[in-house]
Amino acid sequence: MTNHPFRDLHDFESALRDWGERPPQTPPGVAARRLVLPARVPSRLPLWQLAAAAVLVWGVFLGAWYGAFGPAVGPAVTVSTVMEPLPDNVMVFWVDAQTPVYFVLSPLGSPKGDPS
């Protein structure tokens, strides 16, 4: 025998019918207005928020106009070293104006410890 609160289908249907006939907790008109009407949103911005936004936009405009947000320009860098001619198997790549990177190319199978 099972341990159900409703021993047969008739008891269940009777309880369901009783539950369906009870009065609603919220009147139907109030429930409909809650679903249909949107949540209240202020229709306009307060004046101080509008003024703050205008000052922020004006400050960004002036900062961009006068170069406050641009890259800093440093003194021009010139390479004053005169490079000697390099052998055919050496390549030079410049990282910036003062940093060369030398690549020495050699045939495959060069002895260990030699530049490769």
PDB file of N, CA and C in Angstrom:
ATOM      1  N   MET A   1       0.839  -1.176   0.000  1.00  0.00           N
ATOM      2  CA  MET A   1       0.000   0.000   0.000  1.00  0.00           C
ATOM      3  C   MET A   1       0.886   1.241   0.000  1.00  0.00           C
ATOM      4  N   THR A   2       0.542   2.200  -0.848  1.00  0.00           N
ATOM      5  CA  THR A   2       1.352   3.411  -0.955  1.00  0.00           C
ATOM      6  C   THR A   2       0.965   4.408   0.110  1.00  0.00           C
ATOM      7  N   ASN A   3       1.860   5.364   0.322  1.00  0.00           N
ATOM      8  CA  ASN A   3       1.671   6.345   1.371  1.00  0.00           C
ATOM      9  C   ASN A   3       1.269   7.693   0.779  1.00  0.00           C
ATOM     10  N   HIS A   4       0.265   7.776  -0.061  1.00  0.00           N
ATOM     11  CA  HIS A   4      -0.165   9.005  -0.713  1.00  0.00           C
ATOM     12  C   HIS A   4      -1.227   9.696   0.120  1.00  0.00           C
ATOM     13  N   PRO A   5      -1.260  11.060   0.089  1.00  0.00           N
ATOM     14  CA  PRO A   5      -2.319  11.755   0.823  1.00  0.00           C
ATOM     15  C   PRO A   5      -3.703  11.517   0.206  1.00  0.00           C
ATOM     16  N   PHE A   6      -3.756  11.240  -1.096  1.00  0.00           N
ATOM     17  CA  PHE A   6      -5.025  10.958  -1.767  1.00  0.00           C
ATOM     18  C   PHE A   6      -5.039   9.488  -2.138  1.00  0.00           C
ATOM     19  N   ARG A   7      -5.930   8.775  -1.574  1.00  0.00           N
ATOM     20  CA  ARG A   7      -5.940   7.319  -1.774  1.00  0.00           C
ATOM     21  C   ARG A   7      -6.530   6.936  -3.117  1.00  0.00           C
ATOM     22  N   ASP A   8      -7.375   7.744  -3.650  1.00  0.00           N
ATOM     23  CA  ASP A   8      -7.883   7.421  -4.981  1.00  0.00           C
ATOM     24  C   ASP A   8      -8.065   8.704  -5.778  1.00  0.00           C
ATOM     25  N   LEU A   9      -8.403   8.562  -7.011  1.00  0.00           N
ATOM     26  CA  LEU A   9      -8.499   9.685  -7.937  1.00  0.00           C
ATOM     27  C   LEU A   9      -9.623  10.634  -7.553  1.00  0.00           C
ATOM     28  N   HIS A  10     -10.699  10.119  -6.984  1.00  0.00           N
ATOM     29  CA  HIS A  10     -11.827  10.961  -6.615  1.00  0.00           C
ATOM     30  C   HIS A  10     -11.426  11.970  -5.531  1.00  0.00           C
ATOM     31  N   ASP A  11     -10.648  11.550  -4.542  1.00  0.00           N
ATOM     32  CA  ASP A  11     -10.188  12.468  -3.497  1.00  0.00           C
ATOM     33  C   ASP A  11      -9.308  13.567  -4.085  1.00  0.00           C
ATOM     34  N   PHE A  12      -8.439  13.186  -5.023  1.00  0.00           N
ATOM     35  CA  PHE A  12      -7.566  14.172  -5.652  1.00  0.00           C
ATOM     36  C   PHE A  12      -8.379  15.190  -6.442  1.00  0.00           C
ATOM     37  N   GLU A  13      -9.321  14.743  -7.249  1.00  0.00           N
ATOM     38  CA  GLU A  13     -10.140  15.667  -8.048  1.00  0.00           C
ATOM     39  C   GLU A  13     -10.962  16.581  -7.166  1.00  0.00           C
ATOM     40  N   SER A  14     -11.439  16.073  -6.084  1.00  0.00           N
ATOM     41  CA  SER A  14     -12.220  16.886  -5.155  1.00  0.00           C
ATOM     42  C   SER A  14     -11.356  17.986  -4.536  1.00  0.00           C
ATOM     43  N   ALA A  15     -10.142  17.630  -4.129  1.00  0.00           N
ATOM     44  CA  ALA A  15      -9.233  18.625  -3.545  1.00  0.00           C
ATOM     45  C   ALA A  15      -8.812  19.649  -4.587  1.00  0.00           C
ATOM     46  N   LEU A  16      -8.592  19.217  -5.831  1.00  0.00           N
ATOM     47  CA  LEU A  16      -8.212  20.146  -6.888  1.00  0.00           C
ATOM     48  C   LEU A  16      -9.353  21.110  -7.198  1.00  0.00           C
ATOM     49  N   ARG A  17     -10.584  20.622  -7.214  1.00  0.00           N
ATOM     50  CA  ARG A  17     -11.738  21.467  -7.460  1.00  0.00           C
ATOM     51  C   ARG A  17     -11.881  22.503  -6.341  1.00  0.00           C
ATOM     52  N   ASP A  18     -11.706  22.078  -5.105  1.00  0.00           N
ATOM     53  CA  ASP A  18     -11.784  23.017  -3.976  1.00  0.00           C
ATOM     54  C   ASP A  18     -10.701  24.091  -4.081  1.00  0.00           C
ATOM     55  N   TRP A  19      -9.504  23.690  -4.454  1.00  0.00           N
ATOM     56  CA  TRP A  19      -8.402  24.655  -4.604  1.00  0.00           C
ATOM     57  C   TRP A  19      -8.705  25.656  -5.715  1.00  0.00           C
ATOM     58  N   GLY A  20      -9.278  25.186  -6.835  1.00  0.00           N
ATOM     59  CA  GLY A  20      -9.585  26.067  -7.957  1.00  0.00           C
ATOM     60  C   GLY A  20     -10.713  27.033  -7.675  1.00  0.00           C
ATOM     61  N   GLU A  21     -11.594  26.745  -6.735  1.00  0.00           N
ATOM     62  CA  GLU A  21     -12.733  27.613  -6.427  1.00  0.00           C
ATOM     63  C   GLU A  21     -12.418  28.653  -5.364  1.00  0.00           C
ATOM     64  N   ARG A  22     -11.287  28.597  -4.745  1.00  0.00           N
ATOM     65  CA  ARG A  22     -10.953  29.573  -3.709  1.00  0.00           C
ATOM     66  C   ARG A  22     -10.779  30.952  -4.330  1.00  0.00           C
ATOM     67  N   PRO A  23     -11.029  32.040  -3.596  1.00  0.00           N
ATOM     68  CA  PRO A  23     -10.875  33.388  -4.158  1.00  0.00           C
ATOM     69  C   PRO A  23      -9.398  33.721  -4.347  1.00  0.00           C
ATOM     70  N   PRO A  24      -9.063  34.552  -5.368  1.00  0.00           N
ATOM     71  CA  PRO A  24      -7.661  34.913  -5.599  1.00  0.00           C
ATOM     72  C   PRO A  24      -7.137  35.829  -4.496  1.00  0.00           C
ATOM     73  N   GLN A  25      -5.822  35.770  -4.263  1.00  0.00           N
ATOM     74  CA  GLN A  25      -5.215  36.624  -3.248  1.00  0.00           C
ATOM     75  C   GLN A  25      -5.128  38.070  -3.727  1.00  0.00           C
ATOM     76  N   THR A  26      -4.911  38.271  -5.022  1.00  0.00           N
ATOM     77  CA  THR A  26      -4.833  39.599  -5.618  1.00  0.00           C
ATOM     78  C   THR A  26      -6.035  39.775  -6.537  1.00  0.00           C
ATOM     79  N   PRO A  27      -6.776  40.876  -6.403  1.00  0.00           N
ATOM     80  CA  PRO A  27      -7.917  41.082  -7.287  1.00  0.00           C
ATOM     81  C   PRO A  27      -7.473  41.094  -8.757  1.00  0.00           C
ATOM     82  N   PRO A  28      -8.305  40.591  -9.666  1.00  0.00           N
ATOM     83  CA  PRO A  28      -7.915  40.503 -11.077  1.00  0.00           C
ATOM     84  C   PRO A  28      -7.524  41.835 -11.694  1.00  0.00           C
ATOM     85  N   GLY A  29      -8.196  42.925 -11.367  1.00  0.00           N
ATOM     86  CA  GLY A  29      -7.866  44.231 -11.936  1.00  0.00           C
ATOM     87  C   GLY A  29      -6.475  44.697 -11.535  1.00  0.00           C
ATOM     88  N   VAL A  30      -6.115  44.477 -10.271  1.00  0.00           N
ATOM     89  CA  VAL A  30      -4.785  44.873  -9.785  1.00  0.00           C
ATOM     90  C   VAL A  30      -3.713  44.035 -10.463  1.00  0.00           C
ATOM     91  N   ALA A  31      -3.958  42.737 -10.598  1.00  0.00           N
ATOM     92  CA  ALA A  31      -2.980  41.873 -11.251  1.00  0.00           C
ATOM     93  C   ALA A  31      -2.795  42.254 -12.711  1.00  0.00           C
ATOM     94  N   ALA A  32      -3.873  42.608 -13.405  1.00  0.00           N
ATOM     95  CA  ALA A  32      -3.763  43.010 -14.810  1.00  0.00           C
ATOM     96  C   ALA A  32      -2.973  44.299 -14.948  1.00  0.00           C
ATOM     97  N   ARG A  33      -3.219  45.283 -14.054  1.00  0.00           N
ATOM     98  CA  ARG A  33      -2.461  46.543 -14.141  1.00  0.00           C
ATOM     99  C   ARG A  33      -0.974  46.321 -13.878  1.00  0.00           C
ATOM    100  N   ARG A  34      -0.650  45.403 -12.989  1.00  0.00           N
ATOM    101  CA  ARG A  34       0.763  45.109 -12.714  1.00  0.00           C
ATOM    102  C   ARG A  34       1.461  44.522 -13.937  1.00  0.00           C
ATOM    103  N   LEU A  35       0.741  43.768 -14.743  1.00  0.00           N
ATOM    104  CA  LEU A  35       1.345  43.151 -15.921  1.00  0.00           C
ATOM    105  C   LEU A  35       1.402  44.090 -17.107  1.00  0.00           C
ATOM    106  N   VAL A  36       0.391  44.931 -17.272  1.00  0.00           N
ATOM    107  CA  VAL A  36       0.290  45.750 -18.479  1.00  0.00           C
ATOM    108  C   VAL A  36       1.065  47.052 -18.356  1.00  0.00           C
ATOM    109  N   LEU A  37       0.994  47.714 -17.236  1.00  0.00           N
ATOM    110  CA  LEU A  37       1.656  49.009 -17.087  1.00  0.00           C
ATOM    111  C   LEU A  37       3.156  48.824 -16.902  1.00  0.00           C
ATOM    112  N   PRO A  38       3.969  49.603 -17.605  1.00  0.00           N
ATOM    113  CA  PRO A  38       5.424  49.491 -17.409  1.00  0.00           C
ATOM    114  C   PRO A  38       5.827  50.066 -16.050  1.00  0.00           C
ATOM    115  N   ALA A  39       7.005  49.684 -15.630  1.00  0.00           N
ATOM    116  CA  ALA A  39       7.532  50.227 -14.387  1.00  0.00           C
ATOM    117  C   ALA A  39       7.763  51.720 -14.551  1.00  0.00           C
ATOM    118  N   ARG A  40       7.577  52.445 -13.488  1.00  0.00           N
ATOM    119  CA  ARG A  40       7.731  53.899 -13.570  1.00  0.00           C
ATOM    120  C   ARG A  40       9.198  54.270 -13.712  1.00  0.00           C
ATOM    121  N   VAL A  41       9.487  55.046 -14.750  1.00  0.00           N
ATOM    122  CA  VAL A  41      10.836  55.511 -15.039  1.00  0.00           C
ATOM    123  C   VAL A  41      10.778  57.027 -15.076  1.00  0.00           C
ATOM    124  N   PRO A  42      11.724  57.705 -14.463  1.00  0.00           N
ATOM    125  CA  PRO A  42      11.698  59.167 -14.541  1.00  0.00           C
ATOM    126  C   PRO A  42      11.719  59.619 -15.996  1.00  0.00           C
ATOM    127  N   SER A  43      10.873  60.579 -16.309  1.00  0.00           N
ATOM    128  CA  SER A  43      10.725  60.979 -17.703  1.00  0.00           C
ATOM    129  C   SER A  43      11.881  61.841 -18.201  1.00  0.00           C
ATOM    130  N   ARG A  44      12.599  62.507 -17.311  1.00  0.00           N
ATOM    131  CA  ARG A  44      13.720  63.337 -17.774  1.00  0.00           C
ATOM    132  C   ARG A  44      14.851  63.290 -16.754  1.00  0.00           C
ATOM    133  N   LEU A  45      16.025  63.620 -17.240  1.00  0.00           N
ATOM    134  CA  LEU A  45      17.196  63.631 -16.365  1.00  0.00           C
ATOM    135  C   LEU A  45      17.146  64.838 -15.440  1.00  0.00           C
ATOM    136  N   PRO A  46      17.608  64.694 -14.225  1.00  0.00           N
ATOM    137  CA  PRO A  46      17.735  65.877 -13.373  1.00  0.00           C
ATOM    138  C   PRO A  46      18.727  66.862 -13.985  1.00  0.00           C
ATOM    139  N   LEU A  47      18.551  68.094 -13.681  1.00  0.00           N
ATOM    140  CA  LEU A  47      19.366  69.157 -14.275  1.00  0.00           C
ATOM    141  C   LEU A  47      20.846  69.003 -13.937  1.00  0.00           C
ATOM    142  N   TRP A  48      21.178  68.562 -12.740  1.00  0.00           N
ATOM    143  CA  TRP A  48      22.591  68.444 -12.371  1.00  0.00           C
ATOM    144  C   TRP A  48      23.273  67.348 -13.173  1.00  0.00           C
ATOM    145  N   GLN A  49      22.575  66.246 -13.519  1.00  0.00           N
ATOM    146  CA  GLN A  49      23.180  65.194 -14.335  1.00  0.00           C
ATOM    147  C   GLN A  49      23.424  65.679 -15.751  1.00  0.00           C
ATOM    148  N   LEU A  50      22.503  66.465 -16.278  1.00  0.00           N
ATOM    149  CA  LEU A  50      22.676  67.027 -17.615  1.00  0.00           C
ATOM    150  C   LEU A  50      23.868  67.988 -17.646  1.00  0.00           C
ATOM    151  N   ALA A  51      23.996  68.810 -16.617  1.00  0.00           N
ATOM    152  CA  ALA A  51      25.122  69.745 -16.547  1.00  0.00           C
ATOM    153  C   ALA A  51      26.451  69.006 -16.397  1.00  0.00           C
ATOM    154  N   ALA A  52      26.475  67.955 -15.590  1.00  0.00           N
ATOM    155  CA  ALA A  52      27.707  67.183 -15.407  1.00  0.00           C
ATOM    156  C   ALA A  52      28.122  66.505 -16.711  1.00  0.00           C
ATOM    157  N   ALA A  53      27.166  65.982 -17.454  1.00  0.00           N
ATOM    158  CA  ALA A  53      27.484  65.353 -18.740  1.00  0.00           C
ATOM    159  C   ALA A  53      28.028  66.382 -19.723  1.00  0.00           C
ATOM    160  N   ALA A  54      27.461  67.589 -19.735  1.00  0.00           N
ATOM    161  CA  ALA A  54      27.935  68.640 -20.637  1.00  0.00           C
ATOM    162  C   ALA A  54      29.365  69.054 -20.282  1.00  0.00           C
ATOM    163  N   VAL A  55      29.667  69.183 -18.998  1.00  0.00           N
ATOM    164  CA  VAL A  55      31.025  69.560 -18.568  1.00  0.00           C
ATOM    165  C   VAL A  55      32.017  68.459 -18.942  1.00  0.00           C
ATOM    166  N   LEU A  56      31.633  67.204 -18.782  1.00  0.00           N
ATOM    167  CA  LEU A  56      32.515  66.095 -19.134  1.00  0.00           C
ATOM    168  C   LEU A  56      32.809  66.083 -20.628  1.00  0.00           C
ATOM    169  N   VAL A  57      31.788  66.257 -21.441  1.00  0.00           N
ATOM    170  CA  VAL A  57      31.990  66.272 -22.900  1.00  0.00           C
ATOM    171  C   VAL A  57      32.863  67.457 -23.291  1.00  0.00           C
ATOM    172  N   TRP A  58      32.636  68.606 -22.701  1.00  0.00           N
ATOM    173  CA  TRP A  58      33.436  69.793 -23.016  1.00  0.00           C
ATOM    174  C   TRP A  58      34.892  69.592 -22.593  1.00  0.00           C
ATOM    175  N   GLY A  59      35.119  68.964 -21.430  1.00  0.00           N
ATOM    176  CA  GLY A  59      36.482  68.709 -20.974  1.00  0.00           C
ATOM    177  C   GLY A  59      37.225  67.745 -21.884  1.00  0.00           C
ATOM    178  N   VAL A  60      36.556  66.703 -22.344  1.00  0.00           N
ATOM    179  CA  VAL A  60      37.189  65.761 -23.273  1.00  0.00           C
ATOM    180  C   VAL A  60      37.502  66.460 -24.591  1.00  0.00           C
ATOM    181  N   PHE A  61      36.591  67.283 -25.060  1.00  0.00           N
ATOM    182  CA  PHE A  61      36.830  68.018 -26.307  1.00  0.00           C
ATOM    183  C   PHE A  61      38.044  68.931 -26.177  1.00  0.00           C
ATOM    184  N   LEU A  62      38.121  69.698 -25.097  1.00  0.00           N
ATOM    185  CA  LEU A  62      39.258  70.610 -24.915  1.00  0.00           C
ATOM    186  C   LEU A  62      40.562  69.832 -24.739  1.00  0.00           C
ATOM    187  N   GLY A  63      40.516  68.717 -24.008  1.00  0.00           N
ATOM    188  CA  GLY A  63      41.723  67.911 -23.830  1.00  0.00           C
ATOM    189  C   GLY A  63      42.226  67.359 -25.156  1.00  0.00           C
ATOM    190  N   ALA A  64      41.319  66.917 -25.997  1.00  0.00           N
ATOM    191  CA  ALA A  64      41.725  66.408 -27.303  1.00  0.00           C
ATOM    192  C   ALA A  64      42.212  67.546 -28.201  1.00  0.00           C
ATOM    193  N   TRP A  65      41.593  68.703 -28.105  1.00  0.00           N
ATOM    194  CA  TRP A  65      41.972  69.840 -28.940  1.00  0.00           C
ATOM    195  C   TRP A  65      43.380  70.323 -28.618  1.00  0.00           C
ATOM    196  N   TYR A  66      43.703  70.384 -27.335  1.00  0.00           N
ATOM    197  CA  TYR A  66      45.023  70.875 -26.931  1.00  0.00           C
ATOM    198  C   TYR A  66      46.051  69.764 -26.804  1.00  0.00           C
ATOM    199  N   GLY A  67      45.717  68.554 -27.136  1.00  0.00           N
ATOM    200  CA  GLY A  67      46.682  67.466 -27.185  1.00  0.00           C
ATOM    201  C   GLY A  67      47.018  66.840 -25.853  1.00  0.00           C
ATOM    202  N   ALA A  68      46.160  66.974 -24.881  1.00  0.00           N
ATOM    203  CA  ALA A  68      46.448  66.389 -23.573  1.00  0.00           C
ATOM    204  C   ALA A  68      46.421  64.868 -23.623  1.00  0.00           C
ATOM    205  N   PHE A  69      45.672  64.299 -24.553  1.00  0.00           N
ATOM    206  CA  PHE A  69      45.564  62.853 -24.632  1.00  0.00           C
ATOM    207  C   PHE A  69      46.424  62.258 -25.732  1.00  0.00           C
ATOM    208  N   GLY A  70      47.199  63.080 -26.429  1.00  0.00           N
ATOM    209  CA  GLY A  70      48.027  62.589 -27.528  1.00  0.00           C
ATOM    210  C   GLY A  70      49.323  61.992 -27.017  1.00  0.00           C
ATOM    211  N   PRO A  71      50.081  61.346 -27.885  1.00  0.00           N
ATOM    212  CA  PRO A  71      51.354  60.774 -27.458  1.00  0.00           C
ATOM    213  C   PRO A  71      52.373  61.872 -27.180  1.00  0.00           C
ATOM    214  N   ALA A  72      53.226  61.623 -26.208  1.00  0.00           N
ATOM    215  CA  ALA A  72      54.272  62.585 -25.892  1.00  0.00           C
ATOM    216  C   ALA A  72      55.333  62.539 -26.983  1.00  0.00           C
ATOM    217  N   VAL A  73      55.752  63.688 -27.421  1.00  0.00           N
ATOM    218  CA  VAL A  73      56.760  63.766 -28.477  1.00  0.00           C
ATOM    219  C   VAL A  73      58.086  64.087 -27.813  1.00  0.00           C
ATOM    220  N   GLY A  74      59.013  63.182 -27.941  1.00  0.00           N
ATOM    221  CA  GLY A  74      60.331  63.377 -27.351  1.00  0.00           C
ATOM    222  C   GLY A  74      61.287  63.986 -28.365  1.00  0.00           C
ATOM    223  N   PRO A  75      62.535  64.193 -27.969  1.00  0.00           N
ATOM    224  CA  PRO A  75      63.508  64.743 -28.905  1.00  0.00           C
ATOM    225  C   PRO A  75      63.802  63.737 -30.021  1.00  0.00           C
ATOM    226  N   ALA A  76      64.091  64.260 -31.176  1.00  0.00           N
ATOM    227  CA  ALA A  76      64.401  63.401 -32.318  1.00  0.00           C
ATOM    228  C   ALA A  76      65.700  62.646 -32.044  1.00  0.00           C
ATOM    229  N   VAL A  77      65.715  61.364 -32.332  1.00  0.00           N
ATOM    230  CA  VAL A  77      66.886  60.524 -32.093  1.00  0.00           C
ATOM    231  C   VAL A  77      67.542  60.255 -33.445  1.00  0.00           C
ATOM    232  N   THR A  78      68.813  60.513 -33.509  1.00  0.00           N
ATOM    233  CA  THR A  78      69.536  60.234 -34.742  1.00  0.00           C
ATOM    234  C   THR A  78      70.614  59.206 -34.456  1.00  0.00           C
ATOM    235  N   VAL A  79      70.878  58.381 -35.414  1.00  0.00           N
ATOM    236  CA  VAL A  79      71.927  57.382 -35.280  1.00  0.00           C
ATOM    237  C   VAL A  79      73.219  58.015 -35.780  1.00  0.00           C
ATOM    238  N   SER A  80      74.147  58.152 -34.867  1.00  0.00           N
ATOM    239  CA  SER A  80      75.379  58.846 -35.241  1.00  0.00           C
ATOM    240  C   SER A  80      76.518  57.879 -35.539  1.00  0.00           C
ATOM    241  N   THR A  81      76.283  56.606 -35.349  1.00  0.00           N
ATOM    242  CA  THR A  81      77.356  55.652 -35.608  1.00  0.00           C
ATOM    243  C   THR A  81      77.386  55.308 -37.086  1.00  0.00           C
ATOM    244  N   VAL A  82      78.574  55.231 -37.582  1.00  0.00           N
ATOM    245  CA  VAL A  82      78.752  54.831 -38.980  1.00  0.00           C
ATOM    246  C   VAL A  82      79.058  53.342 -38.960  1.00  0.00           C
ATOM    247  N   MET A  83      78.229  52.579 -39.648  1.00  0.00           N
ATOM    248  CA  MET A  83      78.412  51.130 -39.630  1.00  0.00           C
ATOM    249  C   MET A  83      79.422  50.722 -40.691  1.00  0.00           C
ATOM    250  N   GLU A  84      80.225  49.783 -40.306  1.00  0.00           N
ATOM    251  CA  GLU A  84      81.167  49.218 -41.265  1.00  0.00           C
ATOM    252  C   GLU A  84      80.408  48.232 -42.144  1.00  0.00           C
ATOM    253  N   PRO A  85      80.916  47.972 -43.321  1.00  0.00           N
ATOM    254  CA  PRO A  85      80.252  46.975 -44.162  1.00  0.00           C
ATOM    255  C   PRO A  85      80.274  45.612 -43.473  1.00  0.00           C
ATOM    256  N   LEU A  86      79.150  44.923 -43.531  1.00  0.00           N
ATOM    257  CA  LEU A  86      79.024  43.619 -42.878  1.00  0.00           C
ATOM    258  C   LEU A  86      79.253  42.510 -43.893  1.00  0.00           C
ATOM    259  N   PRO A  87      79.670  41.336 -43.418  1.00  0.00           N
ATOM    260  CA  PRO A  87      79.806  40.202 -44.332  1.00  0.00           C
ATOM    261  C   PRO A  87      78.438  39.822 -44.903  1.00  0.00           C
ATOM    262  N   ASP A  88      78.483  38.996 -45.948  1.00  0.00           N
ATOM    263  CA  ASP A  88      77.249  38.616 -46.622  1.00  0.00           C
ATOM    264  C   ASP A  88      76.326  37.777 -45.736  1.00  0.00           C
ATOM    265  N   ASN A  89      76.873  37.090 -44.745  1.00  0.00           N
ATOM    266  CA  ASN A  89      76.028  36.218 -43.930  1.00  0.00           C
ATOM    267  C   ASN A  89      75.519  36.894 -42.652  1.00  0.00           C
ATOM    268  N   VAL A  90      75.632  38.195 -42.536  1.00  0.00           N
ATOM    269  CA  VAL A  90      75.178  38.926 -41.350  1.00  0.00           C
ATOM    270  C   VAL A  90      74.060  39.870 -41.765  1.00  0.00           C
ATOM    271  N   MET A  91      72.961  39.809 -41.004  1.00  0.00           N
ATOM    272  CA  MET A  91      71.829  40.714 -41.239  1.00  0.00           C
ATOM    273  C   MET A  91      71.611  41.533 -39.977  1.00  0.00           C
ATOM    274  N   VAL A  92      71.230  42.787 -40.142  1.00  0.00           N
ATOM    275  CA  VAL A  92      70.975  43.669 -39.004  1.00  0.00           C
ATOM    276  C   VAL A  92      69.520  44.110 -39.060  1.00  0.00           C
ATOM    277  N   PHE A  93      68.815  43.932 -37.935  1.00  0.00           N
ATOM    278  CA  PHE A  93      67.466  44.467 -37.774  1.00  0.00           C
ATOM    279  C   PHE A  93      67.517  45.481 -36.650  1.00  0.00           C
ATOM    280  N   TRP A  94      66.886  46.622 -36.864  1.00  0.00           N
ATOM    281  CA  TRP A  94      66.889  47.684 -35.868  1.00  0.00           C
ATOM    282  C   TRP A  94      65.574  47.637 -35.096  1.00  0.00           C
ATOM    283  N   VAL A  95      65.642  47.413 -33.784  1.00  0.00           N
ATOM    284  CA  VAL A  95      64.455  47.417 -32.933  1.00  0.00           C
ATOM    285  C   VAL A  95      63.965  48.847 -32.779  1.00  0.00           C
ATOM    286  N   ASP A  96      64.871  49.753 -32.485  1.00  0.00           N
ATOM    287  CA  ASP A  96      64.602  51.193 -32.500  1.00  0.00           C
ATOM    288  C   ASP A  96      65.880  51.871 -32.968  1.00  0.00           C
ATOM    289  N   ALA A  97      65.944  53.180 -32.847  1.00  0.00           N
ATOM    290  CA  ALA A  97      67.079  53.916 -33.411  1.00  0.00           C
ATOM    291  C   ALA A  97      68.394  53.602 -32.709  1.00  0.00           C
ATOM    292  N   GLN A  98      68.356  53.010 -31.520  1.00  0.00           N
ATOM    293  CA  GLN A  98      69.590  52.756 -30.786  1.00  0.00           C
ATOM    294  C   GLN A  98      69.854  51.275 -30.531  1.00  0.00           C
ATOM    295  N   THR A  99      68.982  50.383 -30.988  1.00  0.00           N
ATOM    296  CA  THR A  99      69.125  48.969 -30.657  1.00  0.00           C
ATOM    297  C   THR A  99      69.175  48.111 -31.910  1.00  0.00           C
ATOM    298  N   PRO A 100      70.376  47.727 -32.338  1.00  0.00           N
ATOM    299  CA  PRO A 100      70.450  46.809 -33.474  1.00  0.00           C
ATOM    300  C   PRO A 100      70.432  45.359 -32.992  1.00  0.00           C
ATOM    301  N   VAL A 101      69.898  44.474 -33.828  1.00  0.00           N
ATOM    302  CA  VAL A 101      69.933  43.037 -33.565  1.00  0.00           C
ATOM    303  C   VAL A 101      70.627  42.402 -34.758  1.00  0.00           C
ATOM    304  N   TYR A 102      71.726  41.698 -34.487  1.00  0.00           N
ATOM    305  CA  TYR A 102      72.518  41.086 -35.548  1.00  0.00           C
ATOM    306  C   TYR A 102      72.148  39.612 -35.682  1.00  0.00           C
ATOM    307  N   PHE A 103      71.906  39.176 -36.901  1.00  0.00           N
ATOM    308  CA  PHE A 103      71.667  37.767 -37.201  1.00  0.00           C
ATOM    309  C   PHE A 103      72.809  37.278 -38.080  1.00  0.00           C
ATOM    310  N   VAL A 104      73.496  36.232 -37.610  1.00  0.00           N
ATOM    311  CA  VAL A 104      74.598  35.657 -38.377  1.00  0.00           C
ATOM    312  C   VAL A 104      74.111  34.339 -38.947  1.00  0.00           C
ATOM    313  N   LEU A 105      74.113  34.225 -40.253  1.00  0.00           N
ATOM    314  CA  LEU A 105      73.644  33.022 -40.922  1.00  0.00           C
ATOM    315  C   LEU A 105      74.845  32.154 -41.262  1.00  0.00           C
ATOM    316  N   SER A 106      74.701  30.850 -41.020  1.00  0.00           N
ATOM    317  CA  SER A 106      75.786  29.935 -41.364  1.00  0.00           C
ATOM    318  C   SER A 106      75.167  28.675 -41.949  1.00  0.00           C
ATOM    319  N   PRO A 107      75.975  27.899 -42.663  1.00  0.00           N
ATOM    320  CA  PRO A 107      75.436  26.671 -43.242  1.00  0.00           C
ATOM    321  C   PRO A 107      75.061  25.683 -42.141  1.00  0.00           C
ATOM    322  N   LEU A 108      74.190  24.759 -42.468  1.00  0.00           N
ATOM    323  CA  LEU A 108      73.782  23.731 -41.516  1.00  0.00           C
ATOM    324  C   LEU A 108      74.983  22.898 -41.094  1.00  0.00           C
ATOM    325  N   GLY A 109      74.972  22.460 -39.863  1.00  0.00           N
ATOM    326  CA  GLY A 109      76.034  21.601 -39.375  1.00  0.00           C
ATOM    327  C   GLY A 109      77.252  22.368 -38.907  1.00  0.00           C
ATOM    328  N   SER A 110      77.096  23.629 -38.520  1.00  0.00           N
ATOM    329  CA  SER A 110      78.258  24.367 -38.030  1.00  0.00           C
ATOM    330  C   SER A 110      78.663  23.793 -36.668  1.00  0.00           C
ATOM    331  N   PRO A 111      79.958  23.852 -36.347  1.00  0.00           N
ATOM    332  CA  PRO A 111      80.439  23.272 -35.090  1.00  0.00           C
ATOM    333  C   PRO A 111      79.777  23.948 -33.893  1.00  0.00           C
ATOM    334  N   LYS A 112      79.613  23.173 -32.801  1.00  0.00           N
ATOM    335  CA  LYS A 112      78.971  23.673 -31.602  1.00  0.00           C
ATOM    336  C   LYS A 112      79.780  24.823 -31.027  1.00  0.00           C
ATOM    337  N   GLY A 113      79.078  25.862 -30.653  1.00  0.00           N
ATOM    338  CA  GLY A 113      79.732  27.028 -30.074  1.00  0.00           C
ATOM    339  C   GLY A 113      79.985  28.116 -31.082  1.00  0.00           C
ATOM    340  N   ASP A 114      79.979  27.791 -32.367  1.00  0.00           N
ATOM    341  CA  ASP A 114      80.162  28.827 -33.383  1.00  0.00           C
ATOM    342  C   ASP A 114      78.833  29.572 -33.567  1.00  0.00           C
ATOM    343  N   PRO A 115      78.914  30.786 -34.018  1.00  0.00           N
ATOM    344  CA  PRO A 115      77.661  31.496 -34.293  1.00  0.00           C
ATOM    345  C   PRO A 115      76.874  30.783 -35.366  1.00  0.00           C
ATOM    346  N   SER A 116      75.601  30.697 -35.208  1.00  0.00           N
ATOM    347  CA  SER A 116      74.778  30.013 -36.206  1.00  0.00           C
ATOM    348  C   SER A 116      73.645  30.896 -36.635  1.00  0.00           C
TER     349      SER A 116
END
